[in-house]
Protein backbone atom coordinates (compact mmCIF):
# COMPACT_ATOMS: atom_id res chain seq x y z
CA MET A 1 54.43 -47.39 -14.91
CA THR A 2 52.52 -44.13 -15.48
CA VAL A 3 51.52 -41.12 -13.39
CA ARG A 4 47.93 -41.15 -14.56
CA HIS A 5 46.33 -42.81 -11.54
CA GLY A 6 44.18 -40.32 -9.66
CA ARG A 7 41.39 -38.08 -10.85
CA GLU A 8 41.37 -37.90 -14.62
CA PHE A 9 41.19 -34.40 -16.11
CA LEU A 10 38.71 -33.98 -18.95
CA SER A 11 40.04 -31.01 -20.89
CA ILE A 12 37.98 -31.26 -24.06
CA PRO A 13 35.54 -28.58 -25.26
CA GLY A 14 32.42 -30.61 -24.61
CA PRO A 15 31.20 -32.51 -22.85
CA THR A 16 32.91 -30.68 -20.02
CA ASN A 17 33.34 -31.55 -16.37
CA VAL A 18 30.07 -31.96 -14.51
CA PRO A 19 30.18 -30.58 -10.95
CA ASP A 20 29.65 -33.07 -8.14
CA ALA A 21 26.74 -30.93 -6.96
CA VAL A 22 25.02 -31.31 -10.33
CA LEU A 23 25.59 -35.07 -10.33
CA ALA A 24 24.21 -35.26 -6.79
CA ALA A 25 21.12 -33.29 -7.82
CA MET A 26 20.46 -35.83 -10.56
CA HIS A 27 20.96 -38.84 -8.29
CA ARG A 28 17.39 -39.25 -7.09
CA PRO A 29 14.21 -41.17 -7.94
CA ALA A 30 11.86 -40.08 -10.71
CA ILE A 31 8.88 -37.97 -9.70
CA ASP A 32 5.40 -37.13 -11.00
CA ILE A 33 5.72 -35.25 -14.30
CA TYR A 34 2.29 -33.60 -14.17
CA SER A 35 2.32 -31.46 -11.05
CA GLY A 36 4.21 -30.02 -8.14
CA GLU A 37 7.99 -30.05 -8.12
CA MET A 38 8.46 -31.06 -11.75
CA VAL A 39 6.30 -28.22 -13.02
CA ASP A 40 8.10 -25.77 -10.73
CA THR A 41 11.49 -27.04 -11.92
CA THR A 42 10.61 -26.60 -15.58
CA MET A 43 9.17 -23.14 -15.14
CA SER A 44 12.03 -21.90 -12.96
CA CYS A 45 14.60 -23.21 -15.45
CA LEU A 46 12.83 -21.45 -18.33
CA GLU A 47 12.82 -18.21 -16.36
CA ASP A 48 16.43 -18.42 -15.23
CA LEU A 49 17.62 -19.29 -18.72
CA LYS A 50 16.40 -15.82 -19.66
CA LYS A 51 18.89 -14.43 -17.14
CA ILE A 52 21.72 -16.41 -18.75
CA PHE A 53 20.73 -15.43 -22.31
CA ARG A 54 20.08 -11.88 -21.06
CA THR A 55 16.69 -11.68 -22.74
CA ASP A 56 13.06 -10.95 -22.05
CA GLY A 57 12.12 -13.22 -24.95
CA ASN A 58 10.76 -16.75 -24.75
CA THR A 59 12.96 -19.69 -23.86
CA TYR A 60 12.53 -23.35 -24.80
CA ILE A 61 14.10 -26.56 -23.51
CA TYR A 62 14.58 -29.58 -25.76
CA ALA A 63 15.71 -33.11 -24.99
CA ALA A 64 18.38 -32.95 -27.68
CA ASN A 65 21.96 -31.91 -28.30
CA GLY A 66 22.87 -28.63 -29.97
CA HIS A 67 21.90 -29.92 -33.40
CA GLY A 68 18.36 -30.20 -32.12
CA ALA A 69 18.40 -26.54 -31.12
CA TRP A 70 19.64 -25.68 -34.62
CA GLU A 71 16.68 -27.49 -36.16
CA ALA A 72 14.23 -25.90 -33.73
CA ALA A 73 15.51 -22.42 -34.59
CA LEU A 74 15.21 -23.00 -38.34
CA THR A 75 11.89 -24.82 -38.48
CA ASN A 76 10.10 -22.42 -36.15
CA SER A 77 10.99 -19.20 -37.93
CA LEU A 78 11.51 -19.97 -41.63
CA SER A 79 9.68 -21.49 -44.57
CA ARG A 80 10.80 -23.92 -47.26
CA GLY A 81 12.69 -22.14 -50.00
CA ASP A 82 13.69 -19.20 -47.79
CA LYS A 83 17.24 -18.02 -48.32
CA VAL A 84 19.65 -17.98 -45.38
CA LEU A 85 23.17 -16.59 -45.23
CA VAL A 86 25.68 -18.66 -43.26
CA LEU A 87 28.74 -16.84 -41.92
CA ALA A 88 31.64 -19.26 -42.20
CA CYS A 89 34.41 -19.10 -39.58
CA GLY A 90 35.38 -22.70 -38.93
CA LEU A 91 33.21 -25.81 -38.86
CA PHE A 92 29.96 -25.44 -36.99
CA ALA A 93 28.19 -22.61 -38.83
CA ILE A 94 28.80 -24.64 -42.00
CA VAL A 95 27.24 -27.74 -40.43
CA TRP A 96 24.25 -25.65 -39.33
CA GLY A 97 23.98 -24.55 -42.94
CA ASP A 98 24.08 -28.17 -44.11
CA MET A 99 21.12 -28.87 -41.85
CA ALA A 100 19.29 -25.89 -43.35
CA THR A 101 19.85 -27.25 -46.84
CA LYS A 102 18.41 -30.64 -45.92
CA LEU A 103 15.36 -28.91 -44.45
CA GLY A 104 14.66 -27.30 -47.81
CA LEU A 105 16.16 -23.87 -47.27
CA ASP A 106 18.27 -22.04 -49.87
CA VAL A 107 21.68 -21.69 -48.25
CA GLU A 108 24.41 -19.24 -49.22
CA ILE A 109 27.76 -19.25 -47.44
CA LEU A 110 29.65 -16.03 -46.86
CA PRO A 111 33.28 -17.13 -47.36
CA GLU A 112 35.45 -17.10 -44.28
CA ARG A 113 38.66 -15.24 -43.66
CA SER A 114 41.37 -17.82 -43.06
CA ARG A 115 41.77 -18.30 -39.31
CA ARG A 116 39.88 -15.10 -38.57
CA ALA A 117 36.50 -14.03 -37.24
CA VAL A 118 33.66 -13.11 -39.60
CA ASP A 119 34.28 -9.79 -41.34
CA PRO A 120 31.40 -7.37 -40.58
CA ASP A 121 32.24 -5.34 -43.70
CA ALA A 122 31.79 -8.40 -45.90
CA LEU A 123 28.42 -9.07 -44.27
CA ARG A 124 27.34 -5.45 -44.75
CA GLU A 125 28.35 -5.51 -48.42
CA ARG A 126 26.52 -8.77 -49.12
CA LEU A 127 23.31 -7.65 -47.44
CA ALA A 128 23.42 -4.29 -49.18
CA ARG A 129 23.24 -6.17 -52.49
CA ASP A 130 20.12 -8.04 -51.34
CA GLY A 131 17.77 -5.23 -52.28
CA ASP A 132 14.69 -7.42 -52.55
CA GLY A 133 15.24 -8.95 -49.08
CA ALA A 134 15.63 -12.50 -50.32
CA ILE A 135 17.83 -13.38 -47.35
CA LYS A 136 15.52 -14.17 -44.43
CA ALA A 137 18.08 -15.11 -41.79
CA VAL A 138 21.77 -14.78 -41.02
CA LEU A 139 23.31 -17.77 -39.19
CA THR A 140 26.50 -17.49 -37.19
CA VAL A 141 28.26 -18.77 -34.07
CA GLN A 142 29.58 -16.66 -31.24
CA VAL A 143 32.39 -19.17 -30.72
CA ASP A 144 33.33 -21.91 -33.17
CA THR A 145 34.25 -24.98 -31.14
CA ALA A 146 36.60 -26.21 -33.86
CA SER A 147 38.61 -23.16 -34.86
CA GLY A 148 38.48 -21.44 -31.46
CA VAL A 149 37.38 -18.13 -32.96
CA VAL A 150 35.00 -15.67 -31.30
CA ASN A 151 32.84 -13.43 -33.47
CA ASP A 152 31.91 -9.85 -32.61
CA ILE A 153 28.14 -10.23 -32.50
CA PRO A 154 27.38 -6.52 -31.88
CA ALA A 155 29.52 -5.62 -34.91
CA LEU A 156 27.64 -8.13 -37.06
CA ARG A 157 24.32 -6.73 -35.85
CA LYS A 158 25.52 -3.22 -36.73
CA ALA A 159 26.54 -4.40 -40.20
CA MET A 160 23.01 -5.70 -40.74
CA ASP A 161 21.54 -2.42 -39.53
CA ASP A 162 23.88 -0.37 -41.71
CA ALA A 163 22.75 -2.40 -44.71
CA GLY A 164 19.12 -1.66 -43.80
CA HIS A 165 18.33 -5.38 -43.81
CA ASP A 166 15.59 -7.05 -41.77
CA ALA A 167 16.87 -10.64 -41.81
CA LEU A 168 16.71 -12.50 -38.52
CA LEU A 169 20.02 -12.79 -36.72
CA MET A 170 20.46 -16.32 -35.35
CA VAL A 171 23.43 -17.01 -33.09
CA ASP A 172 24.80 -20.32 -31.84
CA THR A 173 26.17 -19.83 -28.29
CA ILE A 174 26.80 -23.51 -27.62
CA ALA A 175 30.52 -22.94 -26.93
CA SER A 176 30.17 -19.52 -25.32
CA LEU A 177 27.06 -19.30 -23.11
CA GLY A 178 28.11 -19.35 -19.47
CA CYS A 179 31.70 -18.59 -20.49
CA MET A 180 31.71 -15.23 -22.28
CA THR A 181 29.56 -12.13 -22.26
CA PHE A 182 26.38 -12.57 -24.31
CA GLU A 183 23.64 -9.96 -24.37
CA MET A 184 20.79 -11.25 -26.52
CA ASP A 185 18.47 -8.27 -26.16
CA ALA A 186 21.11 -5.54 -25.99
CA TRP A 187 22.79 -6.94 -29.11
CA ARG A 188 19.39 -7.45 -30.80
CA VAL A 189 19.88 -11.12 -31.54
CA ASP A 190 16.59 -12.64 -32.72
CA VAL A 191 17.18 -16.34 -32.07
CA THR A 192 19.84 -17.88 -29.84
CA VAL A 193 20.69 -21.57 -29.45
CA ALA A 194 22.72 -23.29 -26.74
CA GLY A 195 23.47 -26.71 -25.27
CA SER A 196 23.82 -28.11 -21.78
CA GLN A 197 27.21 -29.80 -22.03
CA LYS A 198 29.70 -26.93 -22.11
CA GLY A 199 29.52 -23.70 -20.10
CA LEU A 200 26.25 -24.75 -18.46
CA MET A 201 27.97 -27.75 -16.81
CA VAL A 202 25.21 -30.34 -17.36
CA PRO A 203 25.62 -33.72 -19.09
CA PRO A 204 24.80 -33.79 -22.81
CA GLY A 205 21.13 -34.17 -23.64
CA LEU A 206 19.49 -30.77 -23.28
CA SER A 207 19.48 -27.88 -25.73
CA PHE A 208 17.92 -24.45 -25.50
CA VAL A 209 16.47 -21.81 -27.78
CA ALA A 210 15.61 -18.21 -26.96
CA ALA A 211 13.43 -16.20 -29.36
CA ASN A 212 12.50 -12.52 -29.35
CA GLU A 213 9.33 -10.86 -30.61
CA ARG A 214 10.59 -10.57 -34.19
CA ALA A 215 11.28 -14.28 -34.33
CA LEU A 216 7.95 -15.14 -32.72
CA GLU A 217 6.17 -12.99 -35.30
CA ARG A 218 7.97 -14.82 -38.15
CA HIS A 219 6.99 -18.07 -36.47
CA LYS A 220 3.33 -17.38 -37.22
CA ALA A 221 3.93 -17.80 -40.96
CA ALA A 222 6.69 -20.46 -40.85
CA ASP A 223 5.72 -23.59 -42.78
CA MET A 224 8.40 -26.03 -41.56
CA VAL A 225 7.05 -26.33 -38.02
CA THR A 226 6.77 -29.86 -36.66
CA ARG A 227 5.10 -30.93 -33.44
CA TYR A 228 8.22 -31.69 -31.46
CA TRP A 229 10.03 -28.40 -32.07
CA ASP A 230 6.91 -26.19 -32.22
CA TRP A 231 7.15 -23.01 -30.13
CA THR A 232 3.38 -22.55 -30.15
CA GLU A 233 2.78 -25.96 -28.60
CA ARG A 234 5.48 -25.37 -26.00
CA ASP A 235 4.05 -21.97 -25.10
CA GLY A 236 0.71 -23.59 -24.29
CA PRO A 237 -0.66 -24.09 -20.77
CA GLU A 238 -0.03 -27.85 -20.48
CA HIS A 239 3.22 -28.63 -18.68
CA TYR A 240 3.89 -31.83 -20.60
CA MET A 241 3.93 -29.85 -23.84
CA LYS A 242 6.88 -27.82 -22.54
CA HIS A 243 8.75 -31.03 -23.35
CA CYS A 244 6.39 -32.46 -26.00
CA GLY A 245 5.76 -35.40 -23.70
CA THR A 246 7.67 -36.84 -20.78
CA ALA A 247 10.04 -34.33 -19.20
CA PRO A 248 13.77 -35.24 -19.15
CA GLU A 249 13.54 -35.17 -15.38
CA HIS A 250 17.04 -35.93 -14.24
CA LEU A 251 18.71 -33.61 -16.72
CA LEU A 252 16.34 -30.89 -15.53
CA PHE A 253 17.33 -31.58 -11.91
CA GLY A 254 20.95 -31.12 -12.99
CA LEU A 255 20.13 -27.98 -14.97
CA ARG A 256 18.33 -26.46 -12.00
CA LYS A 257 21.45 -26.94 -9.87
CA SER A 258 23.83 -25.65 -12.51
CA LEU A 259 21.77 -22.49 -13.02
CA ASP A 260 21.83 -21.95 -9.26
CA MET A 261 25.62 -22.30 -9.27
CA ILE A 262 26.07 -19.84 -12.13
CA LEU A 263 23.72 -17.26 -10.65
CA ASP A 264 25.27 -17.65 -7.19
CA GLU A 265 28.76 -17.02 -8.62
CA GLY A 266 27.38 -14.16 -10.71
CA LEU A 267 27.54 -13.94 -14.51
CA GLU A 268 30.19 -11.22 -14.40
CA ASN A 269 32.36 -13.34 -12.12
CA VAL A 270 31.86 -16.40 -14.33
CA THR A 271 32.95 -14.39 -17.35
CA ARG A 272 35.96 -12.98 -15.50
CA ARG A 273 37.06 -16.46 -14.38
CA HIS A 274 36.97 -17.70 -17.96
CA THR A 275 38.91 -14.66 -19.16
CA LEU A 276 41.72 -15.18 -16.65
CA LEU A 277 42.03 -18.89 -17.41
CA ALA A 278 41.98 -18.21 -21.16
CA ASP A 279 44.69 -15.55 -20.82
CA ALA A 280 46.85 -18.00 -18.87
CA THR A 281 46.39 -20.65 -21.53
CA ARG A 282 47.26 -18.25 -24.32
CA ALA A 283 50.39 -17.18 -22.43
CA ALA A 284 51.54 -20.80 -22.29
CA VAL A 285 50.86 -21.43 -25.97
CA ALA A 286 52.66 -18.21 -26.93
CA CYS A 287 55.79 -19.53 -25.18
CA TRP A 288 55.54 -22.94 -26.82
CA ALA A 289 55.09 -21.25 -30.20
CA GLN A 290 58.43 -19.43 -30.01
CA ASP A 291 60.12 -22.36 -31.71
CA GLY A 292 57.69 -22.22 -34.63
CA ALA A 293 56.49 -25.82 -34.46
CA LEU A 294 53.27 -24.81 -32.69
CA GLU A 295 51.05 -21.78 -33.11
CA MET A 296 47.64 -20.42 -32.28
CA ASN A 297 45.06 -21.42 -34.85
CA ILE A 298 43.37 -18.01 -34.71
CA THR A 299 45.85 -15.36 -35.77
CA GLU A 300 44.37 -12.30 -34.02
CA ASN A 301 44.42 -12.25 -30.23
CA ALA A 302 41.15 -10.29 -29.95
CA GLU A 303 39.40 -12.98 -32.01
CA ARG A 304 40.41 -15.90 -29.76
CA ALA A 305 37.68 -17.43 -27.63
CA ASN A 306 37.81 -17.46 -23.84
CA SER A 307 36.19 -20.89 -23.69
CA LEU A 308 38.79 -22.92 -25.61
CA THR A 309 42.13 -22.54 -27.35
CA THR A 310 42.91 -24.32 -30.63
CA VAL A 311 46.60 -25.00 -31.30
CA ARG A 312 48.19 -25.93 -34.63
CA MET A 313 51.19 -28.24 -34.84
CA ASN A 314 53.04 -27.41 -38.03
CA GLY A 315 54.09 -30.59 -39.81
CA ILE A 316 53.75 -32.67 -36.64
CA ASP A 317 51.24 -35.44 -35.97
CA ALA A 318 49.31 -34.51 -32.84
CA ALA A 319 48.21 -38.06 -32.03
CA PRO A 320 51.32 -39.11 -30.03
CA LEU A 321 51.07 -36.01 -27.84
CA LEU A 322 47.37 -36.55 -27.13
CA ALA A 323 48.04 -40.24 -26.36
CA PHE A 324 50.87 -39.32 -23.98
CA CYS A 325 48.72 -36.83 -22.10
CA LYS A 326 45.92 -39.37 -21.68
CA ASP A 327 47.75 -42.66 -21.19
CA GLU A 328 50.73 -41.45 -19.18
CA CYS A 329 49.30 -38.51 -17.24
CA GLY A 330 45.51 -38.86 -17.14
CA VAL A 331 44.63 -35.67 -19.02
CA ILE A 332 42.32 -35.86 -22.02
CA VAL A 333 43.10 -33.01 -24.40
CA GLY A 334 40.72 -32.26 -27.27
CA ILE A 335 41.48 -33.41 -30.80
CA ALA A 336 41.58 -30.84 -33.58
CA ILE A 337 38.55 -31.00 -35.88
CA GLY A 338 37.68 -29.27 -39.12
CA PRO A 339 38.66 -29.64 -42.77
CA ASP A 340 41.99 -27.81 -42.58
CA ILE A 341 43.22 -28.76 -39.11
CA SER A 342 42.02 -32.28 -38.29
CA GLY A 343 44.96 -34.29 -36.98
CA LYS A 344 47.20 -31.22 -37.12
CA GLY A 345 46.73 -29.86 -33.64
CA PHE A 346 44.75 -29.99 -30.43
CA ARG A 347 42.19 -28.05 -28.41
CA ILE A 348 42.48 -27.03 -24.78
CA ALA A 349 39.16 -26.45 -23.04
CA HIS A 350 38.88 -23.86 -20.30
CA MET A 351 35.11 -23.73 -20.07
CA GLY A 352 32.42 -24.50 -17.56
CA HIS A 353 33.31 -26.15 -14.26
CA THR A 354 37.03 -25.42 -14.35
CA ASN A 355 39.51 -23.55 -12.20
CA ALA A 356 43.18 -22.64 -11.94
CA PRO A 357 44.53 -26.05 -10.79
CA MET A 358 42.67 -27.82 -13.57
CA VAL A 359 43.91 -25.49 -16.31
CA LEU A 360 47.45 -25.21 -14.96
CA GLY A 361 47.57 -28.97 -14.52
CA THR A 362 46.49 -29.50 -18.10
CA LEU A 363 49.07 -27.02 -19.40
CA GLY A 364 51.77 -28.68 -17.29
CA VAL A 365 50.94 -32.10 -18.72
CA ILE A 366 50.98 -30.80 -22.30
CA GLU A 367 54.37 -29.20 -21.68
CA THR A 368 55.59 -32.46 -20.14
CA GLY A 369 54.42 -34.33 -23.24
CA LEU A 370 56.14 -31.90 -25.59
CA ALA A 371 59.40 -32.41 -23.72
CA ALA A 372 59.08 -36.19 -23.30
CA LEU A 373 58.32 -36.71 -27.00
CA GLY A 374 61.06 -34.37 -28.19
CA ILE A 375 58.61 -32.02 -29.92
CA ALA A 376 60.28 -28.66 -30.56
CA HIS A 377 58.77 -25.92 -28.45
CA GLY A 378 59.69 -22.80 -26.58
CA ALA A 379 60.37 -23.37 -22.91
CA GLY A 380 58.55 -21.81 -19.99
CA GLY A 381 54.93 -22.13 -21.04
CA LEU A 382 53.64 -23.22 -17.65
CA GLY A 383 55.62 -20.48 -15.95
CA ALA A 384 54.15 -17.92 -18.32
CA ALA A 385 50.67 -19.17 -17.51
CA THR A 386 51.22 -18.89 -13.76
CA GLN A 387 52.68 -15.39 -14.17
CA SER A 388 49.69 -14.32 -16.26
CA LEU A 389 47.29 -15.58 -13.64
CA ALA A 390 49.31 -14.16 -10.74
CA ALA A 391 49.47 -10.70 -12.32
CA ALA A 392 45.74 -10.63 -13.05
CA LEU A 393 44.77 -11.81 -9.57
CA SER A 394 47.21 -9.40 -7.92
CA GLN A 395 45.76 -6.48 -9.87
CA GLN A 396 42.25 -7.59 -9.07
CA LYS A 397 43.10 -7.76 -5.38
CA SER A 398 44.67 -4.29 -5.44
CA GLU A 399 41.61 -2.82 -7.15
CA ALA A 400 39.38 -4.32 -4.48
CA VAL A 401 41.28 -2.64 -1.63
């Protein structure tokens, strides 16, 4: 006997819940890829992605996951032997750097601060020592999907400016786009990458790159360009080259609907929703952590992402708790990943197509699991989450009067 029967909650940080409206948009026959609706769909998606990235630069759609977007960013703007600086802050910037190494780039890793965001001062100091401009690009993530950290991209851009360095700034927004504020042009990011399966609410299979004029100028001399990723080919007049062949039609139908949903809600409202749900989650974890057996992975509140929360379990195997949540209650909570936390915690997603009942339900199930399994924790986490949300909504309502 369990209480899991009903709609299962997917509370992992990717792939996230796909709205019924997006699934319905995809549930249709294939159409002609050379004219009419398919061309209009591609072009409108490329244009509206600019609104999400907040850029006037060029956008590109790839039939790939986020790793494909990483490769597209690197091969289109760099040359073999170029030096890149990777800003470590968890797992995924490091993996992006591993890809760069295998592509023939010279990779240097700026050491991370334990359980902290990237230090802008450390970046400024390192670039100031690069007097001959050997470093051609700086690679970072806005949110690391493993550690749950959020980096201050404007502060990193300022550090580069203060050092007088002209390296390209490349930012992975896979776990933040459509969840947190991102201003590509205002923050002077040169290349941005994203994926479909998190804040953009589309099944896995599409990735995106946005490039500004600086990046497009570097592209002219890049010697790692291959046909599939090539920005020049995709900027050409032929529609089929926007996808280097057959368009991923049904994913594009889903993307078109998801972009409509985001723009209809309004980017500011989307960001605010994620902030409120993240605050509620952090309130719950703060209560559970009072016993000392659990704690936030990221030590500074201002450096915690609004798209997911990573929780450490000190000296406790997380597997029984995750199994209880899934098998007994029908909630799939994310496993902890990364070299120093794998198996030692869990991740709660509050990104994309999610709302108060989904997040509060997930938090309630986790608290139920902690109690049922006798895992030491501070009481009242779910109550703290509801109070956090109630206070924020009440204030918002008062301000609107």
